[in-house]
């Protein structure tokens, strides 16, 4: 399959910055797959209007909120069905610096079988609880991979090689919410999908509405880590690398 990337953007009640994000992605030559994950009426109207203004924007609808992971999975499958070879995933709330888009796409073109992952560089806008809370996930990822090869599993700025990722999604039931970004990288490591890491600046916009629910999502992520931990030791899917 020839190199033909698109962008997958999960959206849940984040439409304020979406027009600028879509414009930036379109300037990079990407068709945009916007997955409206059950947004309210006002945000849904704004999201749909972007596809009416630009035929290089496709809106995919979830009738109710299913979670970021479910939205990304829907977008990846739609990209595969649409004949795209790679999918750039970015968030809709404007926290990712899209000046990095071309660099990520260039590396994906050079290494088409690799999963290109963002390694975040935070500024002072990141909430301290989020910053320090990431370290617990770092430790669990190191345990569940037996390696330091994944320096950050939570950054949602990535380029997926779709031909390698779709079989992984088909063979496994991955989390539908904030646990997805972490789990897919651990499982990709188990499947020996190679990865490359690029720095990406991350800024949390003022008055940004986060959909991360500290108690519920941390509990879900903790269960996911435990599940992966036992899967590593009791399933033939774990194959230590040489």
Protein backbone atom coordinates (compact mmCIF):
# COMPACT_ATOMS: atom_id res chain seq x y z
CA UNK A 1 0.00 0.00 0.00
CA UNK A 2 1.35 3.44 -0.89
CA UNK A 3 1.86 6.08 1.77
CA UNK A 4 -1.47 7.86 2.18
CA UNK A 5 -2.02 9.45 5.61
CA UNK A 6 -5.11 11.01 7.15
CA UNK A 7 -5.94 12.58 10.50
CA UNK A 8 -8.21 11.08 13.17
CA UNK A 9 -9.57 13.53 15.74
CA UNK A 10 -11.85 12.28 18.55
CA UNK A 11 -14.21 15.09 19.58
CA UNK A 12 -16.45 15.34 22.63
CA UNK A 13 -17.82 18.82 23.34
CA UNK A 14 -14.59 20.45 22.15
CA UNK A 15 -15.53 22.47 19.08
CA UNK A 16 -14.14 25.91 19.94
CA UNK A 17 -10.61 25.23 18.68
CA UNK A 18 -11.60 22.60 16.15
CA UNK A 19 -11.79 24.90 13.07
CA UNK A 20 -8.18 26.03 13.59
CA UNK A 21 -7.07 22.43 14.17
CA UNK A 22 -8.79 21.25 11.00
CA UNK A 23 -7.27 24.10 8.99
CA UNK A 24 -3.80 23.23 10.24
CA UNK A 25 -4.25 19.56 9.40
CA UNK A 26 -5.68 20.39 5.99
CA UNK A 27 -2.67 22.63 5.27
CA UNK A 28 -0.54 19.55 5.88
CA UNK A 29 -2.52 17.78 3.15
CA UNK A 30 -4.50 15.51 5.46
CA UNK A 31 -8.09 14.40 5.08
CA UNK A 32 -9.67 14.83 8.52
CA UNK A 33 -11.86 12.16 10.09
CA UNK A 34 -13.67 13.84 12.98
CA UNK A 35 -15.29 11.33 15.31
CA UNK A 36 -18.09 13.11 17.15
CA UNK A 37 -18.33 11.05 20.32
CA UNK A 38 -21.84 11.97 21.44
CA UNK A 39 -21.32 15.73 21.75
CA UNK A 40 -24.25 17.93 22.74
CA UNK A 41 -26.40 19.67 20.12
CA UNK A 42 -24.41 22.90 19.95
CA UNK A 43 -21.04 21.21 19.54
CA UNK A 44 -22.48 18.67 17.11
CA UNK A 45 -23.76 21.47 14.90
CA UNK A 46 -20.32 23.10 14.88
CA UNK A 47 -18.60 19.81 14.11
CA UNK A 48 -20.96 18.99 11.25
CA UNK A 49 -20.53 22.47 9.77
CA UNK A 50 -16.85 21.76 9.17
CA UNK A 51 -17.66 18.90 6.79
CA UNK A 52 -20.17 21.08 4.95
CA UNK A 53 -17.49 23.72 4.37
CA UNK A 54 -14.76 21.33 3.27
CA UNK A 55 -15.08 18.06 1.34
CA UNK A 56 -11.76 16.93 2.86
CA UNK A 57 -13.44 16.67 6.27
CA UNK A 58 -15.56 13.65 7.19
CA UNK A 59 -17.65 13.52 10.35
CA UNK A 60 -18.40 10.14 11.93
CA UNK A 61 -21.06 10.10 14.63
CA UNK A 62 -21.44 8.17 17.85
CA UNK A 63 -25.04 8.73 19.00
CA UNK A 64 -23.90 8.71 22.63
CA UNK A 65 -20.59 9.24 24.38
CA UNK A 66 -18.55 6.06 24.30
CA UNK A 67 -15.14 7.40 25.29
CA UNK A 68 -11.96 8.65 23.66
CA UNK A 69 -10.65 5.15 23.01
CA UNK A 70 -13.85 4.08 21.28
CA UNK A 71 -13.73 7.22 19.12
CA UNK A 72 -10.12 6.60 18.09
CA UNK A 73 -10.90 2.98 17.24
CA UNK A 74 -13.85 4.08 15.11
CA UNK A 75 -11.60 6.57 13.33
CA UNK A 76 -8.83 4.03 12.71
CA UNK A 77 -11.26 1.51 11.24
CA UNK A 78 -12.80 4.20 9.03
CA UNK A 79 -9.32 5.20 7.86
CA UNK A 80 -8.55 1.59 6.97
CA UNK A 81 -11.82 1.21 5.08
CA UNK A 82 -11.08 4.49 3.30
CA UNK A 83 -7.79 3.17 1.95
CA UNK A 84 -5.45 5.25 4.11
CA UNK A 85 -2.10 3.79 5.15
CA UNK A 86 -1.47 5.92 8.24
CA UNK A 87 -3.55 7.91 10.70
CA UNK A 88 -2.33 10.90 12.68
CA UNK A 89 -4.16 11.10 16.01
CA UNK A 90 -4.44 14.48 17.73
CA UNK A 91 -6.72 15.79 20.46
CA UNK A 92 -9.48 18.31 19.77
CA UNK A 93 -8.87 20.57 22.77
CA UNK A 94 -5.85 22.34 21.31
CA UNK A 95 -3.24 21.06 23.77
CA UNK A 96 -0.96 19.63 21.08
CA UNK A 97 1.38 21.93 19.15
CA UNK A 98 0.49 21.16 15.55
CA UNK A 99 3.74 22.68 14.32
CA UNK A 100 5.03 19.13 14.79
CA UNK A 101 2.64 17.58 12.25
CA UNK A 102 5.00 17.69 9.27
CA UNK A 103 7.86 16.17 11.29
CA UNK A 104 5.67 13.27 12.41
CA UNK A 105 4.41 12.64 8.88
CA UNK A 106 7.93 12.78 7.48
CA UNK A 107 9.18 10.16 9.93
CA UNK A 108 6.13 7.98 9.22
CA UNK A 109 6.91 8.16 5.50
CA UNK A 110 10.52 7.15 6.13
CA UNK A 111 9.57 4.37 8.56
CA UNK A 112 6.14 3.25 7.33
CA UNK A 113 5.94 0.17 9.57
CA UNK A 114 6.65 2.15 12.76
CA UNK A 115 4.23 3.65 15.24
CA UNK A 116 5.37 7.27 15.60
CA UNK A 117 4.72 8.49 19.15
CA UNK A 118 4.84 11.88 20.79
CA UNK A 119 7.05 12.39 23.81
CA UNK A 120 5.48 15.42 25.51
CA UNK A 121 7.32 18.52 26.56
CA UNK A 122 5.01 20.26 29.03
CA UNK A 123 5.01 23.93 29.87
CA UNK A 124 3.82 25.43 33.16
CA UNK A 125 0.16 25.11 32.14
CA UNK A 126 -0.08 21.40 33.00
CA UNK A 127 -2.02 20.72 36.24
CA UNK A 128 0.40 19.39 38.81
CA UNK A 129 -1.85 16.46 39.66
CA UNK A 130 -1.82 15.34 36.03
CA UNK A 131 1.95 15.81 35.76
CA UNK A 132 2.91 13.76 38.79
CA UNK A 133 0.13 11.23 38.26
CA UNK A 134 1.72 10.23 34.96
CA UNK A 135 4.66 8.69 36.79
CA UNK A 136 2.53 5.87 38.20
CA UNK A 137 1.54 4.89 34.68
CA UNK A 138 5.19 5.11 33.58
CA UNK A 139 6.10 2.56 36.26
CA UNK A 140 3.28 0.20 35.28
CA UNK A 141 4.20 0.40 31.60
CA UNK A 142 7.81 -0.43 32.44
CA UNK A 143 6.61 -3.43 34.46
CA UNK A 144 4.19 -4.66 31.78
CA UNK A 145 6.74 -4.40 28.98
CA UNK A 146 9.84 -5.33 30.96
CA UNK A 147 11.48 -2.44 29.16
CA UNK A 148 12.05 1.31 29.16
CA UNK A 149 11.23 1.44 25.43
CA UNK A 150 7.99 3.37 26.02
CA UNK A 151 8.95 6.66 27.72
CA UNK A 152 5.38 8.05 27.67
CA UNK A 153 2.22 6.07 26.96
CA UNK A 154 -0.35 8.82 27.56
CA UNK A 155 0.38 11.39 24.86
CA UNK A 156 -2.33 11.26 22.19
CA UNK A 157 -0.19 12.75 19.40
CA UNK A 158 0.72 9.74 17.22
CA UNK A 159 0.89 8.33 13.72
CA UNK A 160 -0.46 4.79 13.49
CA UNK A 161 0.59 2.37 10.70
CA UNK A 162 -2.95 1.18 10.06
CA UNK A 163 -2.11 -2.17 8.43
CA UNK A 164 -0.32 -3.20 11.63
CA UNK A 165 -2.83 -1.70 14.06
CA UNK A 166 -6.10 -3.05 12.65
CA UNK A 167 -5.16 -6.73 13.29
CA UNK A 168 -4.21 -5.75 16.85
CA UNK A 169 -7.60 -4.10 17.37
CA UNK A 170 -9.35 -7.13 15.89
CA UNK A 171 -7.52 -9.63 18.08
CA UNK A 172 -7.93 -7.73 21.36
CA UNK A 173 -10.63 -5.90 23.27
CA UNK A 174 -8.99 -2.61 24.16
CA UNK A 175 -10.37 -0.02 26.55
CA UNK A 176 -12.87 2.53 25.27
CA UNK A 177 -11.87 5.51 27.40
CA UNK A 178 -8.69 7.12 28.72
CA UNK A 179 -7.09 3.71 29.17
CA UNK A 180 -6.90 3.20 25.40
CA UNK A 181 -3.85 5.35 24.65
CA UNK A 182 -1.80 3.41 27.20
CA UNK A 183 -3.04 -0.07 26.42
CA UNK A 184 -2.54 0.11 22.67
CA UNK A 185 1.13 1.02 23.10
CA UNK A 186 1.76 -1.85 25.52
CA UNK A 187 0.04 -4.31 23.22
CA UNK A 188 1.85 -2.87 20.18
CA UNK A 189 5.11 -3.53 22.04
CA UNK A 190 4.03 -7.11 22.70
CA UNK A 191 3.19 -7.47 19.01
CA UNK A 192 6.67 -6.19 18.15
CA UNK A 193 5.38 -3.19 16.25
CA UNK A 194 8.42 -0.88 16.16
CA UNK A 195 8.09 2.64 17.54
CA UNK A 196 9.85 5.93 17.13
CA UNK A 197 9.58 8.86 19.52
CA UNK A 198 9.51 12.54 18.69
CA UNK A 199 9.27 15.47 21.12
CA UNK A 200 6.03 17.43 21.02
CA UNK A 201 5.13 20.58 22.93
CA UNK A 202 1.97 20.29 25.02
CA UNK A 203 0.05 23.26 26.40
CA UNK A 204 -3.14 23.12 28.44
CA UNK A 205 -5.28 26.05 27.22
CA UNK A 206 -6.73 28.37 29.85
CA UNK A 207 -10.29 27.43 30.86
CA UNK A 208 -9.90 24.15 29.01
CA UNK A 209 -12.54 21.57 29.93
CA UNK A 210 -10.88 18.26 30.62
CA UNK A 211 -12.91 15.09 30.19
CA UNK A 212 -10.47 13.17 32.38
CA UNK A 213 -12.39 12.04 35.46
CA UNK A 214 -9.76 11.55 38.18
CA UNK A 215 -11.48 8.87 40.25
CA UNK A 216 -13.25 6.92 37.54
CA UNK A 217 -10.53 7.11 34.89
CA UNK A 218 -7.69 6.41 37.31
CA UNK A 219 -9.60 3.38 38.57
CA UNK A 220 -10.17 2.21 34.99
CA UNK A 221 -6.49 2.74 34.13
CA UNK A 222 -5.43 0.86 37.27
CA UNK A 223 -7.63 -2.11 36.32
CA UNK A 224 -6.17 -2.05 32.82
CA UNK A 225 -2.62 -2.12 34.18
CA UNK A 226 -3.50 -5.06 36.44
CA UNK A 227 -5.12 -6.92 33.56
CA UNK A 228 -2.05 -6.42 31.38
CA UNK A 229 0.21 -7.49 34.24
CA UNK A 230 -1.53 -10.85 34.63
CA UNK A 231 -1.87 -11.25 30.88
CA UNK A 232 1.89 -10.86 30.52
CA UNK A 233 2.64 -13.77 32.83
CA UNK A 234 -0.27 -16.10 32.09
CA UNK A 235 -0.80 -15.73 28.35
CA UNK A 236 1.22 -16.96 25.43
CA UNK A 237 0.75 -13.52 23.90
CA UNK A 238 3.77 -12.31 25.93
CA UNK A 239 6.95 -13.10 24.05
CA UNK A 240 10.12 -11.62 25.61
CA UNK A 241 12.34 -9.87 23.11
CA UNK A 242 15.82 -11.13 22.39
